[in-house]
Amino acid sequence: MGAQNLYIHDIRAVSCVFGSILVNEGLGEQAFAVERPEAFTTKKGADGSVTRLATNDFTASWKIRLQRGSRHNAELEAAFALDRATPNGAGVRPFELRDLNGTVYLRYAKAWISQPANLELGTDDAEREWTITATDEQASG
């Protein structure tokens, strides 16, 4: 009988830093998600040939989901308000996500809140979802 693999995951071993804000408590069930663009596209010719094209797009769209009562909502709200009130990209900060459970380590030199979280008030503790756009992905290791 072959050995079975056991994988351990603990959200407390995931570190997310936006500028000086360490997002580490009051997390939603699916706390962090990232959408990255295609690295390559293809162009097909009439004769069936294919050209592979590098997109050179190093942007990412991050979702951070927090419980309504998380203190990080106020911190992100303040960062977003400062960015909107200050000219010349004052709200652009570095962004980093490191998963100490495995091999995920993503760093971006420039990131900003592109969509603040909506707010729902009621009897349910609805999660708040923040969207952060990040660019200039750095080598990580």
Protein backbone atom coordinates (compact mmCIF):
# COMPACT_ATOMS: atom_id res chain seq x y z
CA MET A 1 0.00 0.00 0.00
CA GLY A 2 1.40 3.39 -1.02
CA ALA A 3 1.90 6.25 1.36
CA GLN A 4 -0.75 8.93 1.33
CA ASN A 5 0.19 12.58 1.24
CA LEU A 6 -1.12 14.90 3.91
CA TYR A 7 -1.24 18.62 3.16
CA ILE A 8 -1.67 21.17 5.92
CA HIS A 9 -3.12 24.62 5.40
CA ASP A 10 -3.59 27.24 8.09
CA ILE A 11 -4.80 30.70 7.09
CA ARG A 12 -2.83 32.11 10.03
CA ALA A 13 0.32 31.27 8.07
CA VAL A 14 -0.69 33.57 5.21
CA SER A 15 0.77 37.07 5.30
CA CYS A 16 -0.78 39.86 3.24
CA VAL A 17 0.74 43.34 3.34
CA PHE A 18 -0.58 46.38 1.47
CA GLY A 19 1.80 49.29 2.09
CA SER A 20 2.08 49.33 5.89
CA ILE A 21 -1.21 47.48 6.48
CA LEU A 22 -0.75 43.87 7.59
CA VAL A 23 -4.06 42.14 6.80
CA ASN A 24 -4.11 39.21 9.18
CA GLU A 25 -7.37 39.04 11.14
CA GLY A 26 -11.09 39.28 10.62
CA LEU A 27 -10.65 37.46 7.33
CA GLY A 28 -13.54 36.15 5.24
CA GLU A 29 -13.93 32.47 4.38
CA GLN A 30 -12.13 32.90 1.05
CA ALA A 31 -9.87 35.67 2.28
CA PHE A 32 -7.58 36.19 -0.71
CA ALA A 33 -7.99 35.64 -4.44
CA VAL A 34 -5.98 36.79 -7.42
CA GLU A 35 -6.72 37.00 -11.13
CA ARG A 36 -3.64 37.20 -13.31
CA PRO A 37 -3.66 37.89 -17.05
CA GLU A 38 -2.60 35.51 -19.78
CA ALA A 39 1.16 35.50 -20.17
CA PHE A 40 0.95 34.51 -23.84
CA THR A 41 -1.62 34.69 -26.59
CA THR A 42 -1.55 33.19 -30.07
CA LYS A 43 -2.24 34.48 -33.53
CA LYS A 44 -3.14 31.94 -36.20
CA GLY A 45 -2.23 32.52 -39.81
CA ALA A 46 -4.27 31.55 -42.88
CA ASP A 47 -1.76 28.78 -43.64
CA GLY A 48 -2.17 27.23 -40.17
CA SER A 49 0.98 28.72 -38.71
CA VAL A 50 0.84 29.99 -35.16
CA THR A 51 2.65 32.91 -33.61
CA ARG A 52 3.07 32.98 -29.86
CA LEU A 53 2.86 36.50 -28.46
CA ALA A 54 4.09 37.56 -25.04
CA THR A 55 1.57 39.93 -23.46
CA ASN A 56 4.11 41.46 -21.07
CA ASP A 57 1.19 42.18 -18.77
CA PHE A 58 2.30 41.90 -15.16
CA THR A 59 -0.85 43.28 -13.56
CA ALA A 60 -3.05 41.39 -11.15
CA SER A 61 -6.46 41.96 -9.62
CA TRP A 62 -6.57 40.95 -5.97
CA LYS A 63 -9.70 40.41 -3.89
CA ILE A 64 -9.41 40.71 -0.13
CA ARG A 65 -12.51 39.54 1.73
CA LEU A 66 -12.96 40.65 5.30
CA GLN A 67 -15.61 40.17 7.93
CA ARG A 68 -17.71 43.30 8.39
CA GLY A 69 -16.24 43.96 11.85
CA SER A 70 -12.59 43.56 10.84
CA ARG A 71 -10.41 46.52 11.81
CA HIS A 72 -8.73 46.25 8.41
CA ASN A 73 -11.85 47.68 6.75
CA ALA A 74 -11.21 51.01 8.51
CA GLU A 75 -7.50 50.89 7.59
CA LEU A 76 -8.25 50.20 3.92
CA GLU A 77 -11.02 52.84 3.91
CA ALA A 78 -8.51 55.41 5.22
CA ALA A 79 -5.91 54.40 2.61
CA PHE A 80 -8.52 54.71 -0.15
CA ALA A 81 -9.69 58.13 1.10
CA LEU A 82 -6.09 59.36 1.25
CA ASP A 83 -5.44 58.16 -2.30
CA ARG A 84 -8.50 59.98 -3.63
CA ALA A 85 -7.67 63.19 -1.76
CA THR A 86 -3.96 63.31 -2.64
CA PRO A 87 -2.65 63.89 -6.17
CA ASN A 88 0.19 62.14 -7.97
CA GLY A 89 -0.41 58.57 -6.86
CA ALA A 90 0.08 58.99 -3.12
CA GLY A 91 -2.03 55.87 -2.57
CA VAL A 92 0.22 53.61 -4.64
CA ARG A 93 1.98 51.17 -2.32
CA PRO A 94 3.77 47.83 -2.51
CA PHE A 95 1.70 44.66 -2.10
CA GLU A 96 2.83 41.24 -0.96
CA LEU A 97 1.19 37.92 -0.26
CA ARG A 98 3.18 35.07 1.26
CA ASP A 99 1.79 31.64 2.11
CA LEU A 100 4.09 29.97 4.62
CA ASN A 101 2.10 26.73 4.17
CA GLY A 102 3.58 26.23 0.72
CA THR A 103 5.37 28.00 -2.09
CA VAL A 104 3.20 31.04 -2.84
CA TYR A 105 5.05 34.34 -2.59
CA LEU A 106 3.88 37.20 -4.80
CA ARG A 107 5.26 40.74 -4.63
CA TYR A 108 4.25 43.82 -6.55
CA ALA A 109 6.07 47.14 -6.48
CA LYS A 110 2.93 49.16 -7.18
CA ALA A 111 -0.62 48.52 -5.99
CA TRP A 112 -3.70 50.58 -5.21
CA ILE A 113 -7.29 50.11 -4.13
CA SER A 114 -9.19 50.20 -7.40
CA GLN A 115 -12.59 49.41 -5.89
CA PRO A 116 -13.51 49.94 -2.26
CA ALA A 117 -15.67 47.39 -0.51
CA ASN A 118 -19.43 47.70 -0.65
CA LEU A 119 -21.28 47.73 2.63
CA GLU A 120 -24.33 45.67 3.51
CA LEU A 121 -26.03 46.16 6.86
CA GLY A 122 -28.48 43.66 8.26
CA THR A 123 -28.73 40.66 10.52
CA ASP A 124 -26.04 38.73 8.64
CA ASP A 125 -22.32 39.44 8.94
CA ALA A 126 -21.85 40.04 5.22
CA GLU A 127 -18.22 40.02 4.11
CA ARG A 128 -16.70 43.12 2.55
CA GLU A 129 -14.63 42.62 -0.60
CA TRP A 130 -11.82 45.02 -1.51
CA THR A 131 -10.25 45.04 -4.98
CA ILE A 132 -6.59 45.92 -5.26
CA THR A 133 -4.92 46.33 -8.63
CA ALA A 134 -1.24 45.47 -8.58
CA THR A 135 1.41 45.87 -11.22
CA ASP A 136 5.14 45.48 -11.68
CA GLU A 137 5.31 41.93 -10.31
CA GLN A 138 8.67 41.35 -8.68
CA ALA A 139 10.73 38.20 -8.74
CA SER A 140 9.96 36.22 -5.64
CA GLY A 141 11.53 33.26 -4.04
